[in-house]
Amino acid sequence: MSSPDFVGYINDPDIHDGVILKVQQRETKVRVLVRSYESQLYAFEFDLVQSVKSVEPEGMMLYSLTEMPAPPPFRRFVFTNWDEDGKGMLEVVAQEIRTRKIANEATF
């Protein structure tokens, strides 16, 4: 993808063909639980969140996690739906992102 609206893919971890299982939002924090194609669970944790755009993200199969431009100090993260015609979408504008592997959904 070569566009002025594109910063880059978040490739580590690889969530291509993964599925969003849960999204939790509390104050200025958002957590997203993703099961990768290889069945590994990842928790994406966003801090100092400015905004969230969300339409039925749970169950959405992912093409990628893409970073798009945002006014500093914020970063805009788009969980790209594999099904371009699907209604699921999730976009988070935040200052920080962390990712960690987790053993099971109960630890999320």
N, C-alpha and C. Protein backbone atom coordinates (compact mmCIF):
# COMPACT_ATOMS: atom_id res chain seq x y z
N MET A 1 0.86 -1.17 0.00
CA MET A 1 0.00 0.00 0.00
C MET A 1 0.91 1.23 0.00
N SER A 2 0.75 2.11 -0.97
CA SER A 2 1.53 3.35 -1.00
C SER A 2 0.57 4.52 -1.12
N SER A 3 0.31 5.13 0.00
CA SER A 3 -0.65 6.22 0.07
C SER A 3 -0.19 7.19 1.14
N PRO A 4 -0.48 8.50 0.96
CA PRO A 4 -0.12 9.44 2.02
C PRO A 4 -0.90 9.19 3.31
N ASP A 5 -1.94 8.36 3.23
CA ASP A 5 -2.73 8.03 4.42
C ASP A 5 -2.25 6.74 5.08
N PHE A 6 -1.07 6.27 4.70
CA PHE A 6 -0.56 4.99 5.21
C PHE A 6 0.78 5.23 5.90
N VAL A 7 0.90 4.77 7.15
CA VAL A 7 2.18 4.85 7.86
C VAL A 7 2.89 3.51 7.76
N GLY A 8 2.18 2.42 8.10
CA GLY A 8 2.80 1.10 8.02
C GLY A 8 1.95 0.03 8.65
N TYR A 9 2.30 -1.21 8.37
CA TYR A 9 1.64 -2.34 8.99
C TYR A 9 2.31 -2.63 10.33
N ILE A 10 1.52 -3.07 11.29
CA ILE A 10 2.05 -3.60 12.54
C ILE A 10 2.19 -5.10 12.29
N ASN A 11 3.39 -5.56 12.02
CA ASN A 11 3.62 -6.95 11.60
C ASN A 11 3.99 -7.89 12.72
N ASP A 12 4.30 -7.35 13.87
CA ASP A 12 4.67 -8.22 14.99
C ASP A 12 3.74 -7.93 16.15
N PRO A 13 2.86 -8.82 16.47
CA PRO A 13 2.71 -10.16 15.95
C PRO A 13 1.92 -10.18 14.64
N ASP A 14 2.04 -11.28 13.91
CA ASP A 14 1.32 -11.45 12.66
C ASP A 14 -0.13 -11.87 12.98
N ILE A 15 -1.06 -10.98 12.71
CA ILE A 15 -2.47 -11.30 12.99
C ILE A 15 -3.28 -11.46 11.71
N HIS A 16 -2.60 -11.52 10.55
CA HIS A 16 -3.28 -11.76 9.27
C HIS A 16 -4.08 -13.05 9.37
N ASP A 17 -5.34 -12.99 9.02
CA ASP A 17 -6.29 -14.12 9.13
C ASP A 17 -6.68 -14.43 10.57
N GLY A 18 -6.28 -13.58 11.51
CA GLY A 18 -6.72 -13.73 12.90
C GLY A 18 -8.14 -13.20 13.07
N VAL A 19 -8.68 -13.36 14.28
CA VAL A 19 -10.05 -12.95 14.57
C VAL A 19 -10.06 -12.15 15.88
N ILE A 20 -10.81 -11.04 15.87
CA ILE A 20 -11.01 -10.28 17.10
C ILE A 20 -12.02 -11.02 17.95
N LEU A 21 -11.63 -11.36 19.18
CA LEU A 21 -12.51 -12.07 20.10
C LEU A 21 -13.23 -11.13 21.05
N LYS A 22 -12.52 -10.12 21.58
CA LYS A 22 -13.11 -9.21 22.57
C LYS A 22 -12.51 -7.82 22.43
N VAL A 23 -13.31 -6.82 22.77
CA VAL A 23 -12.84 -5.43 22.86
C VAL A 23 -13.37 -4.88 24.18
N GLN A 24 -12.46 -4.31 24.97
CA GLN A 24 -12.85 -3.71 26.25
C GLN A 24 -12.34 -2.28 26.28
N GLN A 25 -13.21 -1.38 26.76
CA GLN A 25 -12.82 0.02 26.87
C GLN A 25 -13.16 0.53 28.27
N ARG A 26 -12.14 1.15 28.91
CA ARG A 26 -12.33 1.78 30.23
C ARG A 26 -11.56 3.08 30.23
N GLU A 27 -12.27 4.17 30.39
CA GLU A 27 -11.67 5.50 30.44
C GLU A 27 -10.75 5.71 29.24
N THR A 28 -9.45 5.88 29.45
CA THR A 28 -8.53 6.15 28.33
C THR A 28 -7.73 4.91 27.94
N LYS A 29 -8.28 3.72 28.21
CA LYS A 29 -7.61 2.47 27.85
C LYS A 29 -8.55 1.60 27.02
N VAL A 30 -7.98 0.95 26.02
CA VAL A 30 -8.72 -0.02 25.21
C VAL A 30 -7.88 -1.28 25.11
N ARG A 31 -8.52 -2.42 25.27
CA ARG A 31 -7.85 -3.71 25.11
C ARG A 31 -8.59 -4.51 24.05
N VAL A 32 -7.82 -5.17 23.18
CA VAL A 32 -8.38 -5.97 22.10
C VAL A 32 -7.73 -7.35 22.17
N LEU A 33 -8.55 -8.38 22.23
CA LEU A 33 -8.07 -9.76 22.25
C LEU A 33 -8.22 -10.34 20.85
N VAL A 34 -7.11 -10.84 20.30
CA VAL A 34 -7.08 -11.41 18.96
C VAL A 34 -6.54 -12.82 19.03
N ARG A 35 -7.20 -13.74 18.31
CA ARG A 35 -6.68 -15.10 18.14
C ARG A 35 -6.08 -15.18 16.74
N SER A 36 -4.79 -15.45 16.65
CA SER A 36 -4.10 -15.51 15.36
C SER A 36 -4.52 -16.75 14.58
N TYR A 37 -4.10 -16.80 13.34
CA TYR A 37 -4.38 -17.94 12.48
C TYR A 37 -3.82 -19.23 13.09
N GLU A 38 -2.69 -19.10 13.81
CA GLU A 38 -2.06 -20.26 14.46
C GLU A 38 -2.65 -20.54 15.84
N SER A 39 -3.74 -19.84 16.20
CA SER A 39 -4.47 -20.01 17.47
C SER A 39 -3.76 -19.40 18.67
N GLN A 40 -2.72 -18.60 18.47
CA GLN A 40 -2.08 -17.88 19.57
C GLN A 40 -2.95 -16.68 19.94
N LEU A 41 -3.12 -16.44 21.24
CA LEU A 41 -3.90 -15.29 21.70
C LEU A 41 -2.97 -14.10 21.96
N TYR A 42 -3.39 -12.92 21.50
CA TYR A 42 -2.64 -11.68 21.71
C TYR A 42 -3.56 -10.63 22.31
N ALA A 43 -3.04 -9.93 23.29
CA ALA A 43 -3.76 -8.79 23.88
C ALA A 43 -3.08 -7.52 23.38
N PHE A 44 -3.83 -6.70 22.68
CA PHE A 44 -3.36 -5.38 22.26
C PHE A 44 -3.90 -4.39 23.27
N GLU A 45 -3.01 -3.60 23.85
CA GLU A 45 -3.42 -2.66 24.88
C GLU A 45 -3.05 -1.25 24.43
N PHE A 46 -4.05 -0.40 24.35
CA PHE A 46 -3.87 0.98 23.92
C PHE A 46 -4.08 1.89 25.13
N ASP A 47 -3.14 2.81 25.34
CA ASP A 47 -3.23 3.76 26.46
C ASP A 47 -3.31 5.18 25.93
N LEU A 48 -3.87 6.06 26.78
CA LEU A 48 -4.05 7.46 26.43
C LEU A 48 -4.85 7.57 25.13
N VAL A 49 -5.99 6.86 25.12
CA VAL A 49 -6.85 6.79 23.94
C VAL A 49 -7.62 8.09 23.77
N GLN A 50 -7.58 8.61 22.55
CA GLN A 50 -8.32 9.82 22.21
C GLN A 50 -9.70 9.46 21.67
N SER A 51 -9.79 8.42 20.82
CA SER A 51 -11.07 8.04 20.23
C SER A 51 -11.07 6.59 19.80
N VAL A 52 -12.28 6.05 19.68
CA VAL A 52 -12.49 4.68 19.20
C VAL A 52 -13.67 4.71 18.25
N LYS A 53 -13.50 4.11 17.07
CA LYS A 53 -14.60 3.89 16.13
C LYS A 53 -14.76 2.38 16.05
N SER A 54 -15.96 1.93 16.35
CA SER A 54 -16.19 0.50 16.45
C SER A 54 -17.57 0.14 15.94
N VAL A 55 -17.62 -0.86 15.05
CA VAL A 55 -18.89 -1.41 14.59
C VAL A 55 -18.75 -2.93 14.59
N GLU A 56 -19.36 -3.56 15.56
CA GLU A 56 -19.37 -5.03 15.67
C GLU A 56 -18.02 -5.66 15.35
N PRO A 57 -16.97 -5.32 16.11
CA PRO A 57 -15.65 -5.87 15.79
C PRO A 57 -15.46 -7.33 16.19
N GLU A 58 -16.19 -7.79 17.21
CA GLU A 58 -16.01 -9.17 17.65
C GLU A 58 -16.41 -10.14 16.54
N GLY A 59 -15.52 -11.08 16.24
CA GLY A 59 -15.77 -12.06 15.19
C GLY A 59 -15.21 -11.64 13.84
N MET A 60 -14.69 -10.42 13.75
CA MET A 60 -14.16 -9.92 12.48
C MET A 60 -12.83 -10.60 12.16
N MET A 61 -12.73 -11.16 10.94
CA MET A 61 -11.46 -11.73 10.49
C MET A 61 -10.59 -10.58 9.98
N LEU A 62 -9.32 -10.61 10.38
CA LEU A 62 -8.43 -9.49 10.10
C LEU A 62 -7.54 -9.71 8.88
N TYR A 63 -7.42 -8.66 8.11
CA TYR A 63 -6.42 -8.63 7.05
C TYR A 63 -5.10 -8.13 7.62
N SER A 64 -5.20 -7.08 8.48
CA SER A 64 -3.98 -6.51 9.06
C SER A 64 -4.33 -5.58 10.21
N LEU A 65 -3.29 -5.17 10.91
CA LEU A 65 -3.36 -4.03 11.83
C LEU A 65 -2.47 -2.98 11.19
N THR A 66 -3.07 -1.86 10.82
CA THR A 66 -2.40 -0.83 10.04
C THR A 66 -2.33 0.46 10.82
N GLU A 67 -1.18 1.12 10.76
CA GLU A 67 -1.06 2.44 11.36
C GLU A 67 -1.26 3.48 10.27
N MET A 68 -2.12 4.45 10.56
CA MET A 68 -2.44 5.54 9.65
C MET A 68 -2.04 6.85 10.31
N PRO A 69 -1.89 7.93 9.55
CA PRO A 69 -1.48 9.21 10.14
C PRO A 69 -2.49 9.72 11.17
N ALA A 70 -1.96 10.42 12.16
CA ALA A 70 -2.78 11.08 13.20
C ALA A 70 -1.97 12.28 13.69
N PRO A 71 -2.67 13.31 14.19
CA PRO A 71 -1.94 14.46 14.72
C PRO A 71 -1.13 14.05 15.96
N PRO A 72 0.16 14.40 16.01
CA PRO A 72 0.98 14.08 17.18
C PRO A 72 0.38 14.69 18.44
N PRO A 73 0.48 14.02 19.56
CA PRO A 73 1.29 12.83 19.85
C PRO A 73 0.53 11.53 19.62
N PHE A 74 -0.58 11.57 18.90
CA PHE A 74 -1.42 10.39 18.74
C PHE A 74 -1.01 9.55 17.53
N ARG A 75 -1.40 8.27 17.59
CA ARG A 75 -1.20 7.32 16.51
C ARG A 75 -2.56 6.70 16.24
N ARG A 76 -2.86 6.43 14.98
CA ARG A 76 -4.16 5.85 14.60
C ARG A 76 -3.94 4.43 14.11
N PHE A 77 -4.64 3.48 14.75
CA PHE A 77 -4.50 2.06 14.45
C PHE A 77 -5.82 1.54 13.91
N VAL A 78 -5.77 0.90 12.74
CA VAL A 78 -6.96 0.36 12.10
C VAL A 78 -6.82 -1.15 12.00
N PHE A 79 -7.76 -1.86 12.62
CA PHE A 79 -7.86 -3.31 12.45
C PHE A 79 -8.65 -3.51 11.16
N THR A 80 -7.94 -3.91 10.09
CA THR A 80 -8.54 -3.97 8.76
C THR A 80 -9.30 -5.27 8.58
N ASN A 81 -10.57 -5.13 8.21
CA ASN A 81 -11.45 -6.27 7.98
C ASN A 81 -11.04 -6.99 6.71
N TRP A 82 -10.90 -8.33 6.81
CA TRP A 82 -10.57 -9.14 5.64
C TRP A 82 -11.67 -9.03 4.59
N ASP A 83 -12.93 -8.97 5.03
CA ASP A 83 -14.09 -8.86 4.15
C ASP A 83 -14.37 -7.38 3.90
N GLU A 84 -13.95 -6.87 2.75
CA GLU A 84 -14.11 -5.44 2.45
C GLU A 84 -15.57 -5.00 2.48
N ASP A 85 -16.50 -5.91 2.24
CA ASP A 85 -17.92 -5.57 2.27
C ASP A 85 -18.56 -5.83 3.63
N GLY A 86 -17.77 -6.37 4.56
CA GLY A 86 -18.30 -6.68 5.89
C GLY A 86 -18.50 -5.41 6.70
N LYS A 87 -19.37 -5.50 7.69
CA LYS A 87 -19.68 -4.30 8.48
C LYS A 87 -18.77 -4.14 9.70
N GLY A 88 -18.02 -5.16 10.08
CA GLY A 88 -17.15 -5.05 11.24
C GLY A 88 -16.02 -4.08 11.00
N MET A 89 -15.74 -3.24 12.01
CA MET A 89 -14.60 -2.33 11.92
C MET A 89 -14.16 -1.91 13.31
N LEU A 90 -12.85 -1.60 13.42
CA LEU A 90 -12.31 -1.12 14.68
C LEU A 90 -11.12 -0.21 14.37
N GLU A 91 -11.18 1.00 14.93
CA GLU A 91 -10.11 1.98 14.78
C GLU A 91 -9.87 2.62 16.14
N VAL A 92 -8.61 2.70 16.54
CA VAL A 92 -8.24 3.27 17.84
C VAL A 92 -7.20 4.36 17.62
N VAL A 93 -7.46 5.54 18.17
CA VAL A 93 -6.48 6.62 18.15
C VAL A 93 -5.96 6.76 19.58
N ALA A 94 -4.66 6.52 19.74
CA ALA A 94 -4.05 6.49 21.08
C ALA A 94 -2.60 6.93 21.00
N GLN A 95 -2.02 7.20 22.16
CA GLN A 95 -0.61 7.57 22.20
C GLN A 95 0.31 6.36 22.34
N GLU A 96 -0.19 5.28 22.92
CA GLU A 96 0.67 4.12 23.20
C GLU A 96 -0.02 2.83 22.81
N ILE A 97 0.79 1.86 22.38
CA ILE A 97 0.29 0.51 22.08
C ILE A 97 1.30 -0.49 22.65
N ARG A 98 0.78 -1.56 23.23
CA ARG A 98 1.59 -2.67 23.71
C ARG A 98 0.89 -3.96 23.26
N THR A 99 1.68 -4.98 23.05
CA THR A 99 1.13 -6.28 22.67
C THR A 99 1.79 -7.34 23.53
N ARG A 100 0.98 -8.31 23.94
CA ARG A 100 1.55 -9.42 24.70
C ARG A 100 0.82 -10.71 24.36
N LYS A 101 1.57 -11.81 24.36
CA LYS A 101 0.97 -13.13 24.19
C LYS A 101 0.29 -13.50 25.49
N ILE A 102 -0.85 -14.16 25.40
CA ILE A 102 -1.50 -14.65 26.61
C ILE A 102 -1.85 -16.13 26.42
N ALA A 103 -1.93 -16.82 27.54
CA ALA A 103 -2.14 -18.27 27.50
C ALA A 103 -3.58 -18.66 27.22
N ASN A 104 -4.53 -17.89 27.77
CA ASN A 104 -5.94 -18.22 27.59
C ASN A 104 -6.79 -16.97 27.79
N GLU A 105 -8.05 -17.07 27.39
CA GLU A 105 -8.94 -15.89 27.47
C GLU A 105 -9.13 -15.40 28.90
N ALA A 106 -9.03 -16.30 29.87
CA ALA A 106 -9.24 -15.91 31.26
C ALA A 106 -8.18 -14.91 31.74
N THR A 107 -6.99 -14.93 31.15
CA THR A 107 -5.94 -14.00 31.55
C THR A 107 -6.07 -12.64 30.87
N PHE A 108 -7.02 -12.51 29.98
CA PHE A 108 -7.26 -11.24 29.31
C PHE A 108 -7.95 -10.31 30.28
